[in-house]
Amino acid sequence: MTVWTGILLAAGTATAREAMWRTLAWAGVLLAAVLVMAVVIGLSRSKGKNDAELADDQENPAGFSLDDLRRLHRAGKLTDEEFARAKARLLAGMGAGEEAEEPEEPPAAPGV
């Protein structure tokens, strides 16, 4: 017999079976409330961004940093021309357009 069952029986308000079911029902309500709170907290943490992440998104909406571009270029995923264009775009988007290097024209093919 649980404490609550004993209290309810002592008060003379319910039989042992009714007291047990009331206790289980309230335990279920409490458990459901805890689970709902855990889900809400988990969703708010995963969806919410902190101030640093928001600032990064505003500075670089493309999602790439100069280091990312350099790694792609070194890995051979970007050609020299693609790297130069992406770098110029990235620097122009960060407000450093005056300092951004203009991409060099590729050398003309010998027979053209």
PDB file of N, CA and C in Angstrom:
ATOM      1  N   MET A   1       0.843  -1.165   0.000  1.00  0.00           N
ATOM      2  CA  MET A   1       0.000   0.000   0.000  1.00  0.00           C
ATOM      3  C   MET A   1       0.900   1.244   0.000  1.00  0.00           C
ATOM      4  N   THR A   2       0.600   2.173  -0.899  1.00  0.00           N
ATOM      5  CA  THR A   2       1.401   3.387  -0.984  1.00  0.00           C
ATOM      6  C   THR A   2       0.953   4.379   0.078  1.00  0.00           C
ATOM      7  N   VAL A   3       1.716   5.417   0.232  1.00  0.00           N
ATOM      8  CA  VAL A   3       1.395   6.450   1.218  1.00  0.00           C
ATOM      9  C   VAL A   3       0.068   7.118   0.866  1.00  0.00           C
ATOM     10  N   TRP A   4      -0.091   7.444  -0.432  1.00  0.00           N
ATOM     11  CA  TRP A   4      -1.323   8.130  -0.849  1.00  0.00           C
ATOM     12  C   TRP A   4      -2.546   7.214  -0.693  1.00  0.00           C
ATOM     13  N   THR A   5      -2.370   5.966  -0.987  1.00  0.00           N
ATOM     14  CA  THR A   5      -3.474   5.029  -0.806  1.00  0.00           C
ATOM     15  C   THR A   5      -3.867   4.980   0.666  1.00  0.00           C
ATOM     16  N   GLY A   6      -2.888   4.945   1.535  1.00  0.00           N
ATOM     17  CA  GLY A   6      -3.156   4.941   2.968  1.00  0.00           C
ATOM     18  C   GLY A   6      -3.868   6.200   3.419  1.00  0.00           C
ATOM     19  N   ILE A   7      -3.449   7.348   2.878  1.00  0.00           N
ATOM     20  CA  ILE A   7      -4.088   8.619   3.253  1.00  0.00           C
ATOM     21  C   ILE A   7      -5.540   8.639   2.793  1.00  0.00           C
ATOM     22  N   LEU A   8      -5.784   8.211   1.535  1.00  0.00           N
ATOM     23  CA  LEU A   8      -7.146   8.201   1.018  1.00  0.00           C
ATOM     24  C   LEU A   8      -8.031   7.232   1.788  1.00  0.00           C
ATOM     25  N   LEU A   9      -7.500   6.084   2.132  1.00  0.00           N
ATOM     26  CA  LEU A   9      -8.280   5.108   2.895  1.00  0.00           C
ATOM     27  C   LEU A   9      -8.562   5.610   4.305  1.00  0.00           C
ATOM     28  N   ALA A  10      -7.570   6.283   4.885  1.00  0.00           N
ATOM     29  CA  ALA A  10      -7.750   6.803   6.240  1.00  0.00           C
ATOM     30  C   ALA A  10      -8.818   7.889   6.259  1.00  0.00           C
ATOM     31  N   ALA A  11      -8.895   8.658   5.173  1.00  0.00           N
ATOM     32  CA  ALA A  11      -9.894   9.719   5.100  1.00  0.00           C
ATOM     33  C   ALA A  11     -11.273   9.147   4.833  1.00  0.00           C
ATOM     34  N   GLY A  12     -11.338   7.896   4.430  1.00  0.00           N
ATOM     35  CA  GLY A  12     -12.614   7.251   4.187  1.00  0.00           C
ATOM     36  C   GLY A  12     -13.283   7.701   2.903  1.00  0.00           C
ATOM     37  N   THR A  13     -12.501   8.192   1.959  1.00  0.00           N
ATOM     38  CA  THR A  13     -13.098   8.699   0.727  1.00  0.00           C
ATOM     39  C   THR A  13     -13.131   7.684  -0.402  1.00  0.00           C
ATOM     40  N   ALA A  14     -12.388   6.602  -0.298  1.00  0.00           N
ATOM     41  CA  ALA A  14     -12.336   5.669  -1.411  1.00  0.00           C
ATOM     42  C   ALA A  14     -11.971   4.282  -0.919  1.00  0.00           C
ATOM     43  N   THR A  15     -12.276   3.324  -1.754  1.00  0.00           N
ATOM     44  CA  THR A  15     -11.836   1.966  -1.474  1.00  0.00           C
ATOM     45  C   THR A  15     -10.382   1.850  -1.894  1.00  0.00           C
ATOM     46  N   ALA A  16      -9.759   0.765  -1.565  1.00  0.00           N
ATOM     47  CA  ALA A  16      -8.350   0.567  -1.908  1.00  0.00           C
ATOM     48  C   ALA A  16      -8.137   0.594  -3.412  1.00  0.00           C
ATOM     49  N   ARG A  17      -9.034  -0.024  -4.157  1.00  0.00           N
ATOM     50  CA  ARG A  17      -8.894  -0.062  -5.606  1.00  0.00           C
ATOM     51  C   ARG A  17      -9.045   1.335  -6.206  1.00  0.00           C
ATOM     52  N   GLU A  18     -10.015   2.096  -5.765  1.00  0.00           N
ATOM     53  CA  GLU A  18     -10.205   3.465  -6.272  1.00  0.00           C
ATOM     54  C   GLU A  18      -9.001   4.334  -5.935  1.00  0.00           C
ATOM     55  N   ALA A  19      -8.497   4.172  -4.728  1.00  0.00           N
ATOM     56  CA  ALA A  19      -7.338   4.951  -4.316  1.00  0.00           C
ATOM     57  C   ALA A  19      -6.123   4.611  -5.171  1.00  0.00           C
ATOM     58  N   MET A  20      -5.949   3.343  -5.482  1.00  0.00           N
ATOM     59  CA  MET A  20      -4.827   2.934  -6.318  1.00  0.00           C
ATOM     60  C   MET A  20      -4.945   3.543  -7.718  1.00  0.00           C
ATOM     61  N   TRP A  21      -6.131   3.496  -8.305  1.00  0.00           N
ATOM     62  CA  TRP A  21      -6.319   4.042  -9.649  1.00  0.00           C
ATOM     63  C   TRP A  21      -6.152   5.565  -9.670  1.00  0.00           C
ATOM     64  N   ARG A  22      -6.605   6.233  -8.632  1.00  0.00           N
ATOM     65  CA  ARG A  22      -6.392   7.684  -8.566  1.00  0.00           C
ATOM     66  C   ARG A  22      -4.905   8.002  -8.476  1.00  0.00           C
ATOM     67  N   THR A  23      -4.220   7.237  -7.666  1.00  0.00           N
ATOM     68  CA  THR A  23      -2.773   7.447  -7.532  1.00  0.00           C
ATOM     69  C   THR A  23      -2.065   7.208  -8.860  1.00  0.00           C
ATOM     70  N   LEU A  24      -2.420   6.126  -9.537  1.00  0.00           N
ATOM     71  CA  LEU A  24      -1.811   5.839 -10.846  1.00  0.00           C
ATOM     72  C   LEU A  24      -2.164   6.903 -11.878  1.00  0.00           C
ATOM     73  N   ALA A  25      -3.390   7.382 -11.854  1.00  0.00           N
ATOM     74  CA  ALA A  25      -3.795   8.414 -12.818  1.00  0.00           C
ATOM     75  C   ALA A  25      -2.993   9.691 -12.617  1.00  0.00           C
ATOM     76  N   TRP A  26      -2.831  10.119 -11.366  1.00  0.00           N
ATOM     77  CA  TRP A  26      -2.063  11.339 -11.117  1.00  0.00           C
ATOM     78  C   TRP A  26      -0.581  11.141 -11.418  1.00  0.00           C
ATOM     79  N   ALA A  27      -0.081   9.951 -11.172  1.00  0.00           N
ATOM     80  CA  ALA A  27       1.314   9.665 -11.533  1.00  0.00           C
ATOM     81  C   ALA A  27       1.489   9.743 -13.044  1.00  0.00           C
ATOM     82  N   GLY A  28       0.498   9.249 -13.798  1.00  0.00           N
ATOM     83  CA  GLY A  28       0.541   9.334 -15.253  1.00  0.00           C
ATOM     84  C   GLY A  28       0.489  10.768 -15.742  1.00  0.00           C
ATOM     85  N   VAL A  29      -0.353  11.593 -15.115  1.00  0.00           N
ATOM     86  CA  VAL A  29      -0.441  13.013 -15.485  1.00  0.00           C
ATOM     87  C   VAL A  29       0.900  13.699 -15.217  1.00  0.00           C
ATOM     88  N   LEU A  30       1.483  13.425 -14.085  1.00  0.00           N
ATOM     89  CA  LEU A  30       2.776  14.011 -13.744  1.00  0.00           C
ATOM     90  C   LEU A  30       3.863  13.572 -14.727  1.00  0.00           C
ATOM     91  N   LEU A  31       3.893  12.300 -15.073  1.00  0.00           N
ATOM     92  CA  LEU A  31       4.862  11.785 -16.029  1.00  0.00           C
ATOM     93  C   LEU A  31       4.669  12.429 -17.399  1.00  0.00           C
ATOM     94  N   ALA A  32       3.430  12.578 -17.843  1.00  0.00           N
ATOM     95  CA  ALA A  32       3.154  13.212 -19.131  1.00  0.00           C
ATOM     96  C   ALA A  32       3.616  14.665 -19.128  1.00  0.00           C
ATOM     97  N   ALA A  33       3.393  15.377 -18.027  1.00  0.00           N
ATOM     98  CA  ALA A  33       3.825  16.769 -17.935  1.00  0.00           C
ATOM     99  C   ALA A  33       5.339  16.885 -18.014  1.00  0.00           C
ATOM    100  N   VAL A  34       6.040  15.983 -17.362  1.00  0.00           N
ATOM    101  CA  VAL A  34       7.504  15.997 -17.409  1.00  0.00           C
ATOM    102  C   VAL A  34       7.995  15.713 -18.833  1.00  0.00           C
ATOM    103  N   LEU A  35       7.382  14.762 -19.498  1.00  0.00           N
ATOM    104  CA  LEU A  35       7.784  14.445 -20.874  1.00  0.00           C
ATOM    105  C   LEU A  35       7.521  15.615 -21.819  1.00  0.00           C
ATOM    106  N   VAL A  36       6.377  16.267 -21.671  1.00  0.00           N
ATOM    107  CA  VAL A  36       6.069  17.428 -22.514  1.00  0.00           C
ATOM    108  C   VAL A  36       7.091  18.531 -22.286  1.00  0.00           C
ATOM    109  N   MET A  37       7.439  18.798 -21.058  1.00  0.00           N
ATOM    110  CA  MET A  37       8.446  19.824 -20.757  1.00  0.00           C
ATOM    111  C   MET A  37       9.808  19.457 -21.356  1.00  0.00           C
ATOM    112  N   ALA A  38      10.180  18.194 -21.290  1.00  0.00           N
ATOM    113  CA  ALA A  38      11.461  17.764 -21.866  1.00  0.00           C
ATOM    114  C   ALA A  38      11.470  17.976 -23.375  1.00  0.00           C
ATOM    115  N   VAL A  39      10.373  17.667 -24.039  1.00  0.00           N
ATOM    116  CA  VAL A  39      10.291  17.862 -25.495  1.00  0.00           C
ATOM    117  C   VAL A  39      10.360  19.345 -25.832  1.00  0.00           C
ATOM    118  N   VAL A  40       9.630  20.173 -25.096  1.00  0.00           N
ATOM    119  CA  VAL A  40       9.638  21.614 -25.355  1.00  0.00           C
ATOM    120  C   VAL A  40      11.039  22.187 -25.166  1.00  0.00           C
ATOM    121  N   ILE A  41      11.709  21.803 -24.113  1.00  0.00           N
ATOM    122  CA  ILE A  41      13.066  22.294 -23.862  1.00  0.00           C
ATOM    123  C   ILE A  41      14.021  21.811 -24.956  1.00  0.00           C
ATOM    124  N   GLY A  42      13.907  20.553 -25.343  1.00  0.00           N
ATOM    125  CA  GLY A  42      14.772  20.022 -26.398  1.00  0.00           C
ATOM    126  C   GLY A  42      14.564  20.733 -27.717  1.00  0.00           C
ATOM    127  N   LEU A  43      13.320  20.984 -28.082  1.00  0.00           N
ATOM    128  CA  LEU A  43      13.042  21.688 -29.338  1.00  0.00           C
ATOM    129  C   LEU A  43      13.525  23.132 -29.287  1.00  0.00           C
ATOM    130  N   SER A  44      13.344  23.789 -28.174  1.00  0.00           N
ATOM    131  CA  SER A  44      13.773  25.189 -28.088  1.00  0.00           C
ATOM    132  C   SER A  44      15.293  25.298 -28.151  1.00  0.00           C
ATOM    133  N   ARG A  45      15.994  24.334 -27.616  1.00  0.00           N
ATOM    134  CA  ARG A  45      17.457  24.374 -27.690  1.00  0.00           C
ATOM    135  C   ARG A  45      17.964  24.078 -29.086  1.00  0.00           C
ATOM    136  N   SER A  46      17.321  23.149 -29.776  1.00  0.00           N
ATOM    137  CA  SER A  46      17.810  22.791 -31.113  1.00  0.00           C
ATOM    138  C   SER A  46      17.409  23.823 -32.152  1.00  0.00           C
ATOM    139  N   LYS A  47      16.272  24.472 -31.981  1.00  0.00           N
ATOM    140  CA  LYS A  47      15.812  25.460 -32.960  1.00  0.00           C
ATOM    141  C   LYS A  47      16.418  26.831 -32.724  1.00  0.00           C
ATOM    142  N   GLY A  48      16.659  27.171 -31.483  1.00  0.00           N
ATOM    143  CA  GLY A  48      17.170  28.498 -31.165  1.00  0.00           C
ATOM    144  C   GLY A  48      18.644  28.619 -31.497  1.00  0.00           C
ATOM    145  N   LYS A  49      19.010  29.796 -31.959  1.00  0.00           N
ATOM    146  CA  LYS A  49      20.419  30.055 -32.239  1.00  0.00           C
ATOM    147  C   LYS A  49      20.908  31.106 -31.259  1.00  0.00           C
ATOM    148  N   ASN A  50      22.153  30.973 -30.882  1.00  0.00           N
ATOM    149  CA  ASN A  50      22.696  31.999 -30.007  1.00  0.00           C
ATOM    150  C   ASN A  50      23.140  33.200 -30.833  1.00  0.00           C
ATOM    151  N   ASP A  51      23.511  34.265 -30.170  1.00  0.00           N
ATOM    152  CA  ASP A  51      23.847  35.513 -30.852  1.00  0.00           C
ATOM    153  C   ASP A  51      25.029  35.359 -31.802  1.00  0.00           C
ATOM    154  N   ALA A  52      26.014  34.564 -31.441  1.00  0.00           N
ATOM    155  CA  ALA A  52      27.186  34.388 -32.304  1.00  0.00           C
ATOM    156  C   ALA A  52      26.801  33.714 -33.615  1.00  0.00           C
ATOM    157  N   GLU A  53      25.926  32.704 -33.553  1.00  0.00           N
ATOM    158  CA  GLU A  53      25.494  32.036 -34.781  1.00  0.00           C
ATOM    159  C   GLU A  53      24.690  32.982 -35.663  1.00  0.00           C
ATOM    160  N   LEU A  54      23.850  33.819 -35.066  1.00  0.00           N
ATOM    161  CA  LEU A  54      23.074  34.782 -35.846  1.00  0.00           C
ATOM    162  C   LEU A  54      23.988  35.791 -36.523  1.00  0.00           C
ATOM    163  N   ALA A  55      25.020  36.251 -35.820  1.00  0.00           N
ATOM    164  CA  ALA A  55      25.958  37.202 -36.413  1.00  0.00           C
ATOM    165  C   ALA A  55      26.705  36.562 -37.576  1.00  0.00           C
ATOM    166  N   ASP A  56      27.097  35.296 -37.434  1.00  0.00           N
ATOM    167  CA  ASP A  56      27.782  34.600 -38.517  1.00  0.00           C
ATOM    168  C   ASP A  56      26.883  34.491 -39.742  1.00  0.00           C
ATOM    169  N   ASP A  57      25.609  34.193 -39.527  1.00  0.00           N
ATOM    170  CA  ASP A  57      24.674  34.068 -40.641  1.00  0.00           C
ATOM    171  C   ASP A  57      24.479  35.391 -41.360  1.00  0.00           C
ATOM    172  N   GLN A  58      24.495  36.503 -40.634  1.00  0.00           N
ATOM    173  CA  GLN A  58      24.312  37.801 -41.261  1.00  0.00           C
ATOM    174  C   GLN A  58      25.556  38.217 -42.034  1.00  0.00           C
ATOM    175  N   GLU A  59      26.726  37.896 -41.506  1.00  0.00           N
ATOM    176  CA  GLU A  59      27.967  38.254 -42.183  1.00  0.00           C
ATOM    177  C   GLU A  59      28.190  37.419 -43.430  1.00  0.00           C
ATOM    178  N   ASN A  60      27.837  36.159 -43.382  1.00  0.00           N
ATOM    179  CA  ASN A  60      28.127  35.241 -44.466  1.00  0.00           C
ATOM    180  C   ASN A  60      26.894  34.405 -44.773  1.00  0.00           C
ATOM    181  N   PRO A  61      25.957  34.951 -45.541  1.00  0.00           N
ATOM    182  CA  PRO A  61      24.723  34.209 -45.792  1.00  0.00           C
ATOM    183  C   PRO A  61      24.922  32.946 -46.622  1.00  0.00           C
ATOM    184  N   ALA A  62      26.011  32.848 -47.356  1.00  0.00           N
ATOM    185  CA  ALA A  62      26.246  31.664 -48.181  1.00  0.00           C
ATOM    186  C   ALA A  62      26.604  30.450 -47.332  1.00  0.00           C
ATOM    187  N   GLY A  63      27.125  30.681 -46.138  1.00  0.00           N
ATOM    188  CA  GLY A  63      27.472  29.581 -45.260  1.00  0.00           C
ATOM    189  C   GLY A  63      28.906  29.111 -45.411  1.00  0.00           C
ATOM    190  N   PHE A  64      29.674  29.725 -46.297  1.00  0.00           N
ATOM    191  CA  PHE A  64      31.068  29.342 -46.500  1.00  0.00           C
ATOM    192  C   PHE A  64      31.972  30.405 -45.911  1.00  0.00           C
ATOM    193  N   SER A  65      33.076  29.958 -45.345  1.00  0.00           N
ATOM    194  CA  SER A  65      34.102  30.895 -44.910  1.00  0.00           C
ATOM    195  C   SER A  65      35.260  30.803 -45.901  1.00  0.00           C
ATOM    196  N   LEU A  66      36.177  31.730 -45.780  1.00  0.00           N
ATOM    197  CA  LEU A  66      37.339  31.714 -46.659  1.00  0.00           C
ATOM    198  C   LEU A  66      38.148  30.438 -46.448  1.00  0.00           C
ATOM    199  N   ASP A  67      38.212  29.968 -45.217  1.00  0.00           N
ATOM    200  CA  ASP A  67      38.911  28.703 -44.946  1.00  0.00           C
ATOM    201  C   ASP A  67      38.240  27.534 -45.662  1.00  0.00           C
ATOM    202  N   ASP A  68      36.898  27.537 -45.677  1.00  0.00           N
ATOM    203  CA  ASP A  68      36.179  26.479 -46.387  1.00  0.00           C
ATOM    204  C   ASP A  68      36.532  26.496 -47.871  1.00  0.00           C
ATOM    205  N   LEU A  69      36.556  27.686 -48.451  1.00  0.00           N
ATOM    206  CA  LEU A  69      36.900  27.790 -49.874  1.00  0.00           C
ATOM    207  C   LEU A  69      38.331  27.319 -50.124  1.00  0.00           C
ATOM    208  N   ARG A  70      39.239  27.702 -49.244  1.00  0.00           N
ATOM    209  CA  ARG A  70      40.638  27.270 -49.413  1.00  0.00           C
ATOM    210  C   ARG A  70      40.761  25.747 -49.344  1.00  0.00           C
ATOM    211  N   ARG A  71      40.037  25.138 -48.408  1.00  0.00           N
ATOM    212  CA  ARG A  71      40.086  23.669 -48.302  1.00  0.00           C
ATOM    213  C   ARG A  71      39.532  23.011 -49.563  1.00  0.00           C
ATOM    214  N   LEU A  72      38.424  23.533 -50.067  1.00  0.00           N
ATOM    215  CA  LEU A  72      37.856  22.974 -51.298  1.00  0.00           C
ATOM    216  C   LEU A  72      38.824  23.123 -52.465  1.00  0.00           C
ATOM    217  N   HIS A  73      39.494  24.266 -52.526  1.00  0.00           N
ATOM    218  CA  HIS A  73      40.454  24.509 -53.610  1.00  0.00           C
ATOM    219  C   HIS A  73      41.640  23.561 -53.505  1.00  0.00           C
ATOM    220  N   ARG A  74      42.180  23.403 -52.290  1.00  0.00           N
ATOM    221  CA  ARG A  74      43.323  22.496 -52.098  1.00  0.00           C
ATOM    222  C   ARG A  74      42.946  21.049 -52.398  1.00  0.00           C
ATOM    223  N   ALA A  75      41.696  20.692 -52.093  1.00  0.00           N
ATOM    224  CA  ALA A  75      41.243  19.320 -52.333  1.00  0.00           C
ATOM    225  C   ALA A  75      40.931  19.073 -53.803  1.00  0.00           C
ATOM    226  N   GLY A  76      40.989  20.124 -54.618  1.00  0.00           N
ATOM    227  CA  GLY A  76      40.734  19.962 -56.043  1.00  0.00           C
ATOM    228  C   GLY A  76      39.260  20.021 -56.409  1.00  0.00           C
ATOM    229  N   LYS A  77      38.423  20.428 -55.484  1.00  0.00           N
ATOM    230  CA  LYS A  77      36.983  20.513 -55.763  1.00  0.00           C
ATOM    231  C   LYS A  77      36.624  21.822 -56.450  1.00  0.00           C
ATOM    232  N   LEU A  78      37.509  22.827 -56.369  1.00  0.00           N
ATOM    233  CA  LEU A  78      37.312  24.108 -57.048  1.00  0.00           C
ATOM    234  C   LEU A  78      38.511  24.373 -57.953  1.00  0.00           C
ATOM    235  N   THR A  79      38.238  24.861 -59.139  1.00  0.00           N
ATOM    236  CA  THR A  79      39.332  25.265 -60.027  1.00  0.00           C
ATOM    237  C   THR A  79      39.864  26.609 -59.552  1.00  0.00           C
ATOM    238  N   ASP A  80      40.982  27.039 -60.126  1.00  0.00           N
ATOM    239  CA  ASP A  80      41.541  28.335 -59.762  1.00  0.00           C
ATOM    240  C   ASP A  80      40.547  29.462 -60.040  1.00  0.00           C
ATOM    241  N   GLU A  81      39.867  29.382 -61.192  1.00  0.00           N
ATOM    242  CA  GLU A  81      38.911  30.434 -61.564  1.00  0.00           C
ATOM    243  C   GLU A  81      37.713  30.444 -60.605  1.00  0.00           C
ATOM    244  N   GLU A  82      37.203  29.256 -60.280  1.00  0.00           N
ATOM    245  CA  GLU A  82      36.069  29.170 -59.361  1.00  0.00           C
ATOM    246  C   GLU A  82      36.450  29.698 -57.974  1.00  0.00           C
ATOM    247  N   PHE A  83      37.646  29.353 -57.533  1.00  0.00           N
ATOM    248  CA  PHE A  83      38.112  29.828 -56.237  1.00  0.00           C
ATOM    249  C   PHE A  83      38.216  31.352 -56.225  1.00  0.00           C
ATOM    250  N   ALA A  84      38.793  31.913 -57.281  1.00  0.00           N
ATOM    251  CA  ALA A  84      38.957  33.374 -57.337  1.00  0.00           C
ATOM    252  C   ALA A  84      37.596  34.072 -57.347  1.00  0.00           C
ATOM    253  N   ARG A  85      36.641  33.553 -58.125  1.00  0.00           N
ATOM    254  CA  ARG A  85      35.301  34.169 -58.163  1.00  0.00           C
ATOM    255  C   ARG A  85      34.605  34.048 -56.815  1.00  0.00           C
ATOM    256  N   ALA A  86      34.682  32.879 -56.204  1.00  0.00           N
ATOM    257  CA  ALA A  86      34.021  32.667 -54.914  1.00  0.00           C
ATOM    258  C   ALA A  86      34.656  33.537 -53.831  1.00  0.00           C
ATOM    259  N   LYS A  87      35.972  33.664 -53.878  1.00  0.00           N
ATOM    260  CA  LYS A  87      36.665  34.491 -52.895  1.00  0.00           C
ATOM    261  C   LYS A  87      36.265  35.958 -53.052  1.00  0.00           C
ATOM    262  N   ALA A  88      36.215  36.432 -54.301  1.00  0.00           N
ATOM    263  CA  ALA A  88      35.828  37.819 -54.543  1.00  0.00           C
ATOM    264  C   ALA A  88      34.393  38.064 -54.079  1.00  0.00           C
ATOM    265  N   ARG A  89      33.522  37.122 -54.375  1.00  0.00           N
ATOM    266  CA  ARG A  89      32.121  37.257 -53.938  1.00  0.00           C
ATOM    267  C   ARG A  89      32.011  37.279 -52.422  1.00  0.00           C
ATOM    268  N   LEU A  90      32.735  36.381 -51.776  1.00  0.00           N
ATOM    269  CA  LEU A  90      32.689  36.288 -50.323  1.00  0.00           C
ATOM    270  C   LEU A  90      33.205  37.572 -49.692  1.00  0.00           C
ATOM    271  N   LEU A  91      34.321  38.072 -50.170  1.00  0.00           N
ATOM    272  CA  LEU A  91      34.880  39.303 -49.616  1.00  0.00           C
ATOM    273  C   LEU A  91      33.983  40.501 -49.909  1.00  0.00           C
ATOM    274  N   ALA A  92      33.367  40.529 -51.074  1.00  0.00           N
ATOM    275  CA  ALA A  92      32.450  41.626 -51.407  1.00  0.00           C
ATOM    276  C   ALA A  92      31.219  41.573 -50.509  1.00  0.00           C
ATOM    277  N   GLY A  93      30.753  40.386 -50.207  1.00  0.00           N
ATOM    278  CA  GLY A  93      29.588  40.232 -49.340  1.00  0.00           C
ATOM    279  C   GLY A  93      29.876  40.598 -47.900  1.00  0.00           C
ATOM    280  N   MET A  94      31.133  40.541 -47.494  1.00  0.00           N
ATOM    281  CA  MET A  94      31.514  40.889 -46.128  1.00  0.00           C
ATOM    282  C   MET A  94      31.795  42.379 -45.985  1.00  0.00           C
ATOM    283  N   GLY A  95      31.640  43.146 -47.062  1.00  0.00           N
ATOM    284  CA  GLY A  95      31.908  44.575 -46.989  1.00  0.00           C
ATOM    285  C   GLY A  95      33.349  44.918 -47.294  1.00  0.00           C
ATOM    286  N   ALA A  96      34.103  43.964 -47.759  1.00  0.00           N
ATOM    287  CA  ALA A  96      35.505  44.213 -48.094  1.00  0.00           C
ATOM    288  C   ALA A  96      35.667  44.245 -49.598  1.00  0.00           C
ATOM    289  N   GLY A  97      34.674  44.771 -50.294  1.00  0.00           N
ATOM    290  CA  GLY A  97      34.681  44.772 -51.748  1.00  0.00           C
ATOM    291  C   GLY A  97      35.838  45.548 -52.344  1.00  0.00           C
ATOM    292  N   GLU A  98      36.227  46.674 -51.688  1.00  0.00           N
ATOM    293  CA  GLU A  98      37.335  47.461 -52.223  1.00  0.00           C
ATOM    294  C   GLU A  98      38.652  46.718 -52.111  1.00  0.00           C
ATOM    295  N   GLU A  99      38.757  45.865 -51.086  1.00  0.00           N
ATOM    296  CA  GLU A  99      40.000  45.147 -50.852  1.00  0.00           C
ATOM    297  C   GLU A  99      40.047  43.813 -51.589  1.00  0.00           C
ATOM    298  N   ALA A 100      38.921  43.398 -52.125  1.00  0.00           N
ATOM    299  CA  ALA A 100      38.870  42.090 -52.778  1.00  0.00           C
ATOM    300  C   ALA A 100      39.673  42.123 -54.064  1.00  0.00           C
ATOM    301  N   GLU A 101      40.408  41.061 -54.280  1.00  0.00           N
ATOM    302  CA  GLU A 101      41.182  40.966 -55.501  1.00  0.00           C
ATOM    303  C   GLU A 101      40.263  40.631 -56.659  1.00  0.00           C
ATOM    304  N   GLU A 102      40.514  41.264 -57.767  1.00  0.00           N
ATOM    305  CA  GLU A 102      39.755  40.938 -58.969  1.00  0.00           C
ATOM    306  C   GLU A 102      40.284  39.623 -59.513  1.00  0.00           C
ATOM    307  N   PRO A 103      39.402  38.727 -59.919  1.00  0.00           N
ATOM    308  CA  PRO A 103      39.907  37.471 -60.476  1.00  0.00           C
ATOM    309  C   PRO A 103      40.634  37.737 -61.786  1.00  0.00           C
ATOM    310  N   GLU A 104      41.764  37.081 -61.903  1.00  0.00           N
ATOM    311  CA  GLU A 104      42.554  37.258 -63.121  1.00  0.00           C
ATOM    312  C   GLU A 104      41.899  36.519 -64.265  1.00  0.00           C
ATOM    313  N   GLU A 105      42.058  37.075 -65.457  1.00  0.00           N
ATOM    314  CA  GLU A 105      41.548  36.422 -66.644  1.00  0.00           C
ATOM    315  C   GLU A 105      42.411  35.207 -66.925  1.00  0.00           C
ATOM    316  N   PRO A 106      41.781  34.068 -67.269  1.00  0.00           N
ATOM    317  CA  PRO A 106      42.614  32.902 -67.590  1.00  0.00           C
ATOM    318  C   PRO A 106      43.368  33.159 -68.890  1.00  0.00           C
ATOM    319  N   PRO A 107      44.565  32.621 -69.003  1.00  0.00           N
ATOM    320  CA  PRO A 107      45.341  32.835 -70.230  1.00  0.00           C
ATOM    321  C   PRO A 107      44.607  32.266 -71.444  1.00  0.00           C
ATOM    322  N   ALA A 108      44.709  32.999 -72.535  1.00  0.00           N
ATOM    323  CA  ALA A 108      44.037  32.572 -73.755  1.00  0.00           C
ATOM    324  C   ALA A 108      44.700  31.308 -74.311  1.00  0.00           C
ATOM    325  N   ALA A 109      43.892  30.458 -74.887  1.00  0.00           N
ATOM    326  CA  ALA A 109      44.426  29.229 -75.484  1.00  0.00           C
ATOM    327  C   ALA A 109      45.284  29.605 -76.682  1.00  0.00           C
ATOM    328  N   PRO A 110      46.370  28.871 -76.970  1.00  0.00           N
ATOM    329  CA  PRO A 110      47.312  29.247 -78.034  1.00  0.00           C
ATOM    330  C   PRO A 110      46.705  29.313 -79.433  1.00  0.00           C
ATOM    331  N   GLY A 111      45.718  28.609 -79.772  1.00  0.00           N
ATOM    332  CA  GLY A 111      45.221  28.635 -81.142  1.00  0.00           C
ATOM    333  C   GLY A 111      43.986  29.491 -81.334  1.00  0.00           C
ATOM    334  N   VAL A 112      43.626  30.309 -80.372  1.00  0.00           N
ATOM    335  CA  VAL A 112      42.368  31.049 -80.486  1.00  0.00           C
ATOM    336  C   VAL A 112      42.554  32.468 -80.873  1.00  0.00           C
TER     337      VAL A 112
END
